[in-house]
Amino acid sequence: MSTTHFSHNLIKGRVAETIVQELFQANGYNVFSYGMERTVPAIIHGIRGMNTEVAKAIRSMPDFVMQNMRNGELFYVEVKYRAWGHFTIKDLIEDYPYNNAHFIIVTNRSMMHITYQDLKAGKKLMALRSDNLFGLSAESLQIYKTYVQEFLGKVVV
């Protein structure tokens, strides 16, 4: 894989994270950065290639902790950019340590959701909708879906 391709996908991943962060904040959530890239950025290069339990746990830290301000409920949320929406349990490390994590998969056209438990059970991704457990407004979902299409809609092969 070329460095350009890797950098391009890294940028798209960060755009996807920003869109999801802004979507949740627009719906009354406190969004706390939690992932390795933001909480311990200096360690990234130091643990590259290490396969210890601690290194794996650090690398697999979800991107965010999100708090629903209406009821105080907390969620681990990992955002993944996948152009075509393909995401399975095989994309995670073995013995993924965040059993209660939620995954939001941002594609070129939409946003999908699945819990770790459903992913582990082999269930399929579901569209991120206003009637799911997060209680996101239909209006905001439509607005942010437009952002997804605007910023991520072009596929570079």
N, C-alpha and C. Protein backbone atom coordinates (compact mmCIF):
# COMPACT_ATOMS: atom_id res chain seq x y z
N MET A 1 0.84 -1.17 0.00
CA MET A 1 0.00 0.00 0.00
C MET A 1 0.89 1.23 0.00
N SER A 2 0.59 2.15 -0.87
CA SER A 2 1.41 3.35 -0.94
C SER A 2 1.13 4.27 0.23
N THR A 3 2.13 5.11 0.55
CA THR A 3 1.98 6.08 1.63
C THR A 3 0.85 7.05 1.30
N THR A 4 0.74 7.45 0.04
CA THR A 4 -0.32 8.37 -0.38
C THR A 4 -1.68 7.75 -0.09
N HIS A 5 -1.87 6.50 -0.48
CA HIS A 5 -3.15 5.81 -0.24
C HIS A 5 -3.43 5.73 1.25
N PHE A 6 -2.41 5.37 2.04
CA PHE A 6 -2.57 5.28 3.49
C PHE A 6 -2.95 6.63 4.07
N SER A 7 -2.26 7.68 3.68
CA SER A 7 -2.54 9.03 4.18
C SER A 7 -3.94 9.48 3.78
N HIS A 8 -4.33 9.17 2.56
CA HIS A 8 -5.65 9.54 2.08
C HIS A 8 -6.73 8.90 2.94
N ASN A 9 -6.59 7.60 3.22
CA ASN A 9 -7.57 6.90 4.04
C ASN A 9 -7.54 7.39 5.49
N LEU A 10 -6.37 7.74 5.99
CA LEU A 10 -6.25 8.30 7.34
C LEU A 10 -7.02 9.61 7.45
N ILE A 11 -6.88 10.45 6.45
CA ILE A 11 -7.60 11.73 6.44
C ILE A 11 -9.10 11.49 6.38
N LYS A 12 -9.53 10.58 5.53
CA LYS A 12 -10.97 10.27 5.45
C LYS A 12 -11.49 9.72 6.78
N GLY A 13 -10.67 8.92 7.46
CA GLY A 13 -11.07 8.41 8.77
C GLY A 13 -11.26 9.53 9.78
N ARG A 14 -10.38 10.51 9.74
CA ARG A 14 -10.50 11.64 10.66
C ARG A 14 -11.71 12.51 10.33
N VAL A 15 -11.99 12.65 9.04
CA VAL A 15 -13.19 13.39 8.64
C VAL A 15 -14.43 12.65 9.15
N ALA A 16 -14.46 11.34 9.01
CA ALA A 16 -15.59 10.54 9.49
C ALA A 16 -15.76 10.72 11.00
N GLU A 17 -14.67 10.69 11.75
CA GLU A 17 -14.74 10.89 13.20
C GLU A 17 -15.32 12.26 13.53
N THR A 18 -14.89 13.28 12.80
CA THR A 18 -15.37 14.64 13.05
C THR A 18 -16.86 14.75 12.77
N ILE A 19 -17.32 14.16 11.69
CA ILE A 19 -18.74 14.19 11.35
C ILE A 19 -19.56 13.52 12.45
N VAL A 20 -19.12 12.36 12.92
CA VAL A 20 -19.85 11.65 13.97
C VAL A 20 -19.82 12.46 15.27
N GLN A 21 -18.67 13.00 15.61
CA GLN A 21 -18.56 13.82 16.83
C GLN A 21 -19.55 14.99 16.77
N GLU A 22 -19.57 15.70 15.67
CA GLU A 22 -20.46 16.85 15.53
C GLU A 22 -21.93 16.44 15.54
N LEU A 23 -22.26 15.30 14.93
CA LEU A 23 -23.63 14.78 14.93
C LEU A 23 -24.11 14.55 16.36
N PHE A 24 -23.29 13.89 17.16
CA PHE A 24 -23.70 13.61 18.53
C PHE A 24 -23.77 14.88 19.38
N GLN A 25 -22.84 15.79 19.18
CA GLN A 25 -22.90 17.05 19.93
C GLN A 25 -24.16 17.83 19.56
N ALA A 26 -24.55 17.80 18.29
CA ALA A 26 -25.77 18.49 17.86
C ALA A 26 -27.02 17.87 18.47
N ASN A 27 -26.89 16.65 18.97
CA ASN A 27 -28.02 15.95 19.59
C ASN A 27 -27.92 15.91 21.10
N GLY A 28 -27.15 16.83 21.67
CA GLY A 28 -27.11 16.97 23.12
C GLY A 28 -26.21 15.99 23.85
N TYR A 29 -25.22 15.46 23.18
CA TYR A 29 -24.27 14.56 23.82
C TYR A 29 -23.00 15.32 24.19
N ASN A 30 -22.42 14.95 25.31
CA ASN A 30 -21.04 15.33 25.59
C ASN A 30 -20.18 14.29 24.88
N VAL A 31 -19.19 14.73 24.14
CA VAL A 31 -18.32 13.83 23.39
C VAL A 31 -16.90 14.03 23.89
N PHE A 32 -16.33 12.97 24.43
CA PHE A 32 -14.98 13.02 24.98
C PHE A 32 -14.06 12.18 24.12
N SER A 33 -12.98 12.78 23.65
CA SER A 33 -11.98 12.02 22.90
C SER A 33 -11.34 11.00 23.83
N TYR A 34 -11.24 9.78 23.36
CA TYR A 34 -10.74 8.70 24.21
C TYR A 34 -9.65 7.88 23.54
N GLY A 35 -9.64 7.83 22.24
CA GLY A 35 -8.71 6.98 21.51
C GLY A 35 -7.26 7.33 21.71
N MET A 36 -6.41 6.38 21.40
CA MET A 36 -4.97 6.49 21.56
C MET A 36 -4.42 7.74 20.86
N GLU A 37 -4.94 8.05 19.68
CA GLU A 37 -4.42 9.17 18.90
C GLU A 37 -4.57 10.50 19.63
N ARG A 38 -5.55 10.59 20.53
CA ARG A 38 -5.80 11.86 21.21
C ARG A 38 -5.38 11.87 22.68
N THR A 39 -5.44 10.72 23.33
CA THR A 39 -5.12 10.71 24.76
C THR A 39 -3.65 10.42 25.04
N VAL A 40 -3.04 9.60 24.23
CA VAL A 40 -1.61 9.29 24.40
C VAL A 40 -0.91 9.26 23.04
N PRO A 41 -0.93 10.39 22.31
CA PRO A 41 -0.39 10.39 20.95
C PRO A 41 1.09 10.06 20.87
N ALA A 42 1.84 10.37 21.90
CA ALA A 42 3.28 10.11 21.86
C ALA A 42 3.61 8.62 21.86
N ILE A 43 2.67 7.80 22.28
CA ILE A 43 2.95 6.37 22.38
C ILE A 43 2.74 5.62 21.07
N ILE A 44 2.10 6.26 20.11
CA ILE A 44 1.74 5.58 18.86
C ILE A 44 2.93 4.88 18.22
N HIS A 45 4.02 5.60 18.02
CA HIS A 45 5.18 5.00 17.36
C HIS A 45 5.91 4.03 18.27
N GLY A 46 5.84 4.25 19.57
CA GLY A 46 6.54 3.39 20.52
C GLY A 46 5.96 2.00 20.64
N ILE A 47 4.65 1.84 20.33
CA ILE A 47 4.05 0.51 20.46
C ILE A 47 3.79 -0.17 19.12
N ARG A 48 4.20 0.50 18.04
CA ARG A 48 4.01 -0.09 16.71
C ARG A 48 4.71 -1.44 16.65
N GLY A 49 3.98 -2.44 16.24
CA GLY A 49 4.55 -3.78 16.10
C GLY A 49 4.56 -4.60 17.38
N MET A 50 4.27 -3.97 18.52
CA MET A 50 4.24 -4.72 19.78
C MET A 50 2.92 -5.47 19.89
N ASN A 51 2.98 -6.69 20.38
CA ASN A 51 1.77 -7.50 20.51
C ASN A 51 1.48 -7.88 21.95
N THR A 52 1.93 -7.07 22.88
CA THR A 52 1.61 -7.36 24.28
C THR A 52 0.14 -7.02 24.53
N GLU A 53 -0.39 -7.55 25.61
CA GLU A 53 -1.78 -7.30 25.96
C GLU A 53 -2.06 -5.81 26.13
N VAL A 54 -1.15 -5.11 26.79
CA VAL A 54 -1.33 -3.68 27.04
C VAL A 54 -1.26 -2.90 25.73
N ALA A 55 -0.30 -3.22 24.87
CA ALA A 55 -0.17 -2.52 23.59
C ALA A 55 -1.42 -2.72 22.74
N LYS A 56 -1.95 -3.94 22.70
CA LYS A 56 -3.17 -4.22 21.94
C LYS A 56 -4.35 -3.43 22.51
N ALA A 57 -4.46 -3.38 23.83
CA ALA A 57 -5.56 -2.65 24.46
C ALA A 57 -5.47 -1.16 24.16
N ILE A 58 -4.26 -0.61 24.17
CA ILE A 58 -4.08 0.81 23.86
C ILE A 58 -4.45 1.08 22.40
N ARG A 59 -3.98 0.23 21.48
CA ARG A 59 -4.28 0.42 20.06
C ARG A 59 -5.77 0.28 19.76
N SER A 60 -6.49 -0.47 20.57
CA SER A 60 -7.90 -0.71 20.28
C SER A 60 -8.84 0.20 21.08
N MET A 61 -8.29 1.21 21.76
CA MET A 61 -9.13 2.15 22.52
C MET A 61 -10.16 2.78 21.58
N PRO A 62 -11.45 2.78 21.96
CA PRO A 62 -12.45 3.45 21.13
C PRO A 62 -12.13 4.93 20.98
N ASP A 63 -12.61 5.51 19.90
CA ASP A 63 -12.33 6.91 19.61
C ASP A 63 -12.94 7.87 20.62
N PHE A 64 -14.14 7.54 21.09
CA PHE A 64 -14.88 8.46 21.94
C PHE A 64 -15.57 7.76 23.10
N VAL A 65 -15.79 8.52 24.15
CA VAL A 65 -16.79 8.19 25.16
C VAL A 65 -17.86 9.26 24.98
N MET A 66 -19.09 8.82 24.78
CA MET A 66 -20.18 9.77 24.55
C MET A 66 -21.18 9.64 25.68
N GLN A 67 -21.63 10.79 26.16
CA GLN A 67 -22.59 10.82 27.26
C GLN A 67 -23.87 11.49 26.81
N ASN A 68 -24.96 10.76 26.92
CA ASN A 68 -26.27 11.29 26.61
C ASN A 68 -26.67 12.21 27.76
N MET A 69 -26.78 13.50 27.50
CA MET A 69 -27.06 14.47 28.57
C MET A 69 -28.50 14.39 29.08
N ARG A 70 -29.39 13.72 28.35
CA ARG A 70 -30.77 13.58 28.82
C ARG A 70 -30.88 12.57 29.96
N ASN A 71 -30.07 11.49 29.88
CA ASN A 71 -30.19 10.46 30.91
C ASN A 71 -28.85 10.07 31.54
N GLY A 72 -27.77 10.69 31.11
CA GLY A 72 -26.45 10.42 31.69
C GLY A 72 -25.78 9.17 31.18
N GLU A 73 -26.42 8.41 30.32
CA GLU A 73 -25.88 7.15 29.82
C GLU A 73 -24.58 7.39 29.05
N LEU A 74 -23.61 6.49 29.25
CA LEU A 74 -22.30 6.58 28.59
C LEU A 74 -22.14 5.47 27.57
N PHE A 75 -21.44 5.79 26.48
CA PHE A 75 -21.18 4.83 25.41
C PHE A 75 -19.73 4.94 24.96
N TYR A 76 -19.08 3.79 24.75
CA TYR A 76 -17.83 3.76 24.02
C TYR A 76 -18.21 3.74 22.54
N VAL A 77 -17.62 4.61 21.74
CA VAL A 77 -17.93 4.65 20.32
C VAL A 77 -16.64 4.66 19.52
N GLU A 78 -16.53 3.71 18.62
CA GLU A 78 -15.42 3.62 17.69
C GLU A 78 -15.97 3.96 16.30
N VAL A 79 -15.34 4.91 15.63
CA VAL A 79 -15.76 5.31 14.29
C VAL A 79 -14.78 4.70 13.29
N LYS A 80 -15.33 4.06 12.28
CA LYS A 80 -14.52 3.47 11.22
C LYS A 80 -14.99 3.99 9.88
N TYR A 81 -14.06 4.44 9.06
CA TYR A 81 -14.39 4.80 7.69
C TYR A 81 -14.17 3.57 6.81
N ARG A 82 -15.19 3.17 6.11
CA ARG A 82 -15.10 2.08 5.15
C ARG A 82 -15.88 2.51 3.92
N ALA A 83 -15.19 2.77 2.83
CA ALA A 83 -15.83 3.30 1.62
C ALA A 83 -17.09 2.53 1.24
N TRP A 84 -17.01 1.22 1.32
CA TRP A 84 -18.14 0.40 0.87
C TRP A 84 -18.91 -0.22 2.03
N GLY A 85 -18.57 0.12 3.27
CA GLY A 85 -19.33 -0.35 4.43
C GLY A 85 -18.99 -1.73 4.92
N HIS A 86 -17.92 -2.33 4.41
CA HIS A 86 -17.56 -3.69 4.83
C HIS A 86 -16.81 -3.63 6.17
N PHE A 87 -17.39 -4.26 7.20
CA PHE A 87 -16.77 -4.29 8.52
C PHE A 87 -17.25 -5.54 9.23
N THR A 88 -16.30 -6.37 9.68
CA THR A 88 -16.65 -7.61 10.38
C THR A 88 -15.79 -7.75 11.64
N ILE A 89 -16.08 -8.75 12.41
CA ILE A 89 -15.33 -9.03 13.64
C ILE A 89 -13.85 -9.27 13.32
N LYS A 90 -13.55 -9.72 12.12
CA LYS A 90 -12.17 -9.98 11.71
C LYS A 90 -11.34 -8.70 11.60
N ASP A 91 -12.03 -7.54 11.54
CA ASP A 91 -11.33 -6.25 11.46
C ASP A 91 -10.81 -5.80 12.83
N LEU A 92 -11.17 -6.54 13.88
CA LEU A 92 -10.74 -6.19 15.24
C LEU A 92 -9.67 -7.16 15.71
N ILE A 93 -8.94 -6.74 16.73
CA ILE A 93 -7.95 -7.65 17.30
C ILE A 93 -8.68 -8.80 18.00
N GLU A 94 -8.00 -9.91 18.10
CA GLU A 94 -8.55 -11.04 18.85
C GLU A 94 -8.68 -10.62 20.31
N ASP A 95 -9.74 -11.04 20.95
CA ASP A 95 -10.02 -10.69 22.35
C ASP A 95 -10.17 -9.18 22.52
N TYR A 96 -10.90 -8.55 21.63
CA TYR A 96 -11.16 -7.12 21.70
C TYR A 96 -11.66 -6.78 23.10
N PRO A 97 -11.01 -5.84 23.80
CA PRO A 97 -11.30 -5.64 25.23
C PRO A 97 -12.52 -4.79 25.57
N TYR A 98 -13.16 -4.17 24.59
CA TYR A 98 -14.29 -3.27 24.88
C TYR A 98 -15.60 -3.95 24.46
N ASN A 99 -16.07 -4.89 25.29
CA ASN A 99 -17.24 -5.70 24.95
C ASN A 99 -18.52 -4.89 24.82
N ASN A 100 -18.55 -3.69 25.38
CA ASN A 100 -19.77 -2.87 25.31
C ASN A 100 -19.61 -1.71 24.33
N ALA A 101 -18.66 -1.81 23.41
CA ALA A 101 -18.42 -0.74 22.44
C ALA A 101 -19.48 -0.74 21.34
N HIS A 102 -19.68 0.44 20.79
CA HIS A 102 -20.53 0.64 19.62
C HIS A 102 -19.63 1.08 18.48
N PHE A 103 -19.92 0.59 17.29
CA PHE A 103 -19.16 0.95 16.10
C PHE A 103 -20.07 1.72 15.17
N ILE A 104 -19.60 2.87 14.75
CA ILE A 104 -20.30 3.62 13.72
C ILE A 104 -19.41 3.58 12.49
N ILE A 105 -19.93 2.96 11.46
CA ILE A 105 -19.19 2.78 10.21
C ILE A 105 -19.69 3.85 9.25
N VAL A 106 -18.78 4.71 8.84
CA VAL A 106 -19.11 5.78 7.92
C VAL A 106 -18.65 5.34 6.53
N THR A 107 -19.60 5.32 5.60
CA THR A 107 -19.30 4.94 4.23
C THR A 107 -19.24 6.20 3.37
N ASN A 108 -19.17 6.02 2.07
CA ASN A 108 -19.19 7.15 1.16
C ASN A 108 -20.56 7.80 1.08
N ARG A 109 -21.58 7.11 1.58
CA ARG A 109 -22.95 7.58 1.40
C ARG A 109 -23.75 7.68 2.69
N SER A 110 -23.36 6.95 3.73
CA SER A 110 -24.22 6.89 4.91
C SER A 110 -23.42 6.53 6.16
N MET A 111 -24.15 6.35 7.25
CA MET A 111 -23.56 5.93 8.51
C MET A 111 -24.33 4.70 9.01
N MET A 112 -23.56 3.72 9.44
CA MET A 112 -24.12 2.46 9.92
C MET A 112 -23.73 2.27 11.38
N HIS A 113 -24.43 1.37 12.06
CA HIS A 113 -24.16 1.13 13.48
C HIS A 113 -24.24 -0.36 13.78
N ILE A 114 -23.39 -0.79 14.70
CA ILE A 114 -23.46 -2.15 15.23
C ILE A 114 -22.75 -2.16 16.58
N THR A 115 -23.23 -2.97 17.49
CA THR A 115 -22.54 -3.13 18.77
C THR A 115 -21.50 -4.22 18.62
N TYR A 116 -20.55 -4.24 19.55
CA TYR A 116 -19.54 -5.30 19.53
C TYR A 116 -20.22 -6.67 19.66
N GLN A 117 -21.19 -6.77 20.54
CA GLN A 117 -21.87 -8.05 20.77
C GLN A 117 -22.58 -8.54 19.51
N ASP A 118 -23.24 -7.62 18.79
CA ASP A 118 -23.91 -8.01 17.54
C ASP A 118 -22.90 -8.37 16.46
N LEU A 119 -21.79 -7.64 16.42
CA LEU A 119 -20.73 -7.95 15.46
C LEU A 119 -20.18 -9.34 15.73
N LYS A 120 -19.94 -9.63 17.00
CA LYS A 120 -19.42 -10.93 17.41
C LYS A 120 -20.40 -12.06 17.07
N ALA A 121 -21.70 -11.74 17.14
CA ALA A 121 -22.72 -12.74 16.84
C ALA A 121 -22.96 -12.89 15.34
N GLY A 122 -22.23 -12.12 14.52
CA GLY A 122 -22.36 -12.23 13.08
C GLY A 122 -23.50 -11.45 12.47
N LYS A 123 -24.10 -10.55 13.24
CA LYS A 123 -25.20 -9.75 12.71
C LYS A 123 -24.70 -8.70 11.75
N LYS A 124 -25.59 -8.15 10.98
CA LYS A 124 -25.25 -7.17 9.95
C LYS A 124 -25.34 -5.74 10.50
N LEU A 125 -24.58 -4.85 9.87
CA LEU A 125 -24.65 -3.44 10.19
C LEU A 125 -26.05 -2.92 9.89
N MET A 126 -26.51 -1.98 10.71
CA MET A 126 -27.81 -1.36 10.51
C MET A 126 -27.59 0.13 10.27
N ALA A 127 -28.48 0.73 9.50
CA ALA A 127 -28.39 2.17 9.27
C ALA A 127 -28.53 2.90 10.60
N LEU A 128 -27.74 3.94 10.79
CA LEU A 128 -27.86 4.80 11.97
C LEU A 128 -29.13 5.61 11.76
N ARG A 129 -30.12 5.38 12.63
CA ARG A 129 -31.45 5.98 12.44
C ARG A 129 -31.89 6.69 13.71
N SER A 130 -32.94 7.48 13.57
CA SER A 130 -33.45 8.25 14.71
C SER A 130 -34.13 7.36 15.75
N ASP A 131 -34.54 6.16 15.38
CA ASP A 131 -35.23 5.30 16.34
C ASP A 131 -34.30 4.27 17.00
N ASN A 132 -32.99 4.47 16.87
CA ASN A 132 -32.08 3.55 17.55
C ASN A 132 -31.81 4.02 18.98
N LEU A 133 -30.97 3.34 19.70
CA LEU A 133 -30.77 3.63 21.11
C LEU A 133 -30.16 4.99 21.40
N PHE A 134 -29.54 5.64 20.41
CA PHE A 134 -28.91 6.93 20.65
C PHE A 134 -29.92 8.08 20.63
N GLY A 135 -31.09 7.88 20.03
CA GLY A 135 -32.10 8.92 19.99
C GLY A 135 -31.71 10.15 19.19
N LEU A 136 -31.00 9.95 18.10
CA LEU A 136 -30.58 11.07 17.25
C LEU A 136 -31.77 11.56 16.43
N SER A 137 -31.87 12.86 16.24
CA SER A 137 -33.02 13.39 15.48
C SER A 137 -32.89 13.04 14.00
N ALA A 138 -34.04 12.79 13.39
CA ALA A 138 -34.07 12.47 11.96
C ALA A 138 -33.51 13.63 11.14
N GLU A 139 -33.83 14.85 11.55
CA GLU A 139 -33.35 16.03 10.84
C GLU A 139 -31.82 16.11 10.87
N SER A 140 -31.23 15.91 12.04
CA SER A 140 -29.77 15.99 12.13
C SER A 140 -29.10 14.85 11.37
N LEU A 141 -29.70 13.68 11.43
CA LEU A 141 -29.13 12.55 10.67
C LEU A 141 -29.10 12.86 9.18
N GLN A 142 -30.15 13.50 8.68
CA GLN A 142 -30.19 13.85 7.26
C GLN A 142 -29.11 14.89 6.93
N ILE A 143 -28.97 15.88 7.80
CA ILE A 143 -27.96 16.93 7.58
C ILE A 143 -26.55 16.32 7.55
N TYR A 144 -26.26 15.47 8.54
CA TYR A 144 -24.91 14.90 8.62
C TYR A 144 -24.66 13.83 7.57
N LYS A 145 -25.71 13.18 7.12
CA LYS A 145 -25.56 12.26 5.99
C LYS A 145 -25.15 13.05 4.74
N THR A 146 -25.69 14.25 4.59
CA THR A 146 -25.30 15.12 3.49
C THR A 146 -23.81 15.48 3.59
N TYR A 147 -23.35 15.72 4.82
CA TYR A 147 -21.92 16.01 5.02
C TYR A 147 -21.07 14.80 4.63
N VAL A 148 -21.52 13.62 5.00
CA VAL A 148 -20.80 12.41 4.63
C VAL A 148 -20.65 12.35 3.12
N GLN A 149 -21.74 12.56 2.41
CA GLN A 149 -21.70 12.49 0.95
C GLN A 149 -20.83 13.59 0.36
N GLU A 150 -20.89 14.78 0.95
CA GLU A 150 -20.10 15.90 0.45
C GLU A 150 -18.60 15.69 0.64
N PHE A 151 -18.20 15.26 1.85
CA PHE A 151 -16.78 15.15 2.16
C PHE A 151 -16.16 13.80 1.82
N LEU A 152 -16.97 12.76 1.80
CA LEU A 152 -16.42 11.42 1.60
C LEU A 152 -16.96 10.71 0.37
N GLY A 153 -17.82 11.35 -0.37
CA GLY A 153 -18.53 10.71 -1.47
C GLY A 153 -17.68 10.23 -2.62
N LYS A 154 -16.55 10.85 -2.87
CA LYS A 154 -15.71 10.42 -3.98
C LYS A 154 -14.79 9.29 -3.52
N VAL A 155 -14.76 8.25 -4.33
CA VAL A 155 -13.90 7.10 -4.04
C VAL A 155 -12.66 7.19 -4.90
N VAL A 156 -11.50 7.12 -4.24
CA VAL A 156 -10.24 7.09 -4.96
C VAL A 156 -9.75 5.66 -4.98
N VAL A 157 -9.54 5.13 -6.16
CA VAL A 157 -9.11 3.73 -6.28
C VAL A 157 -7.65 3.67 -6.60
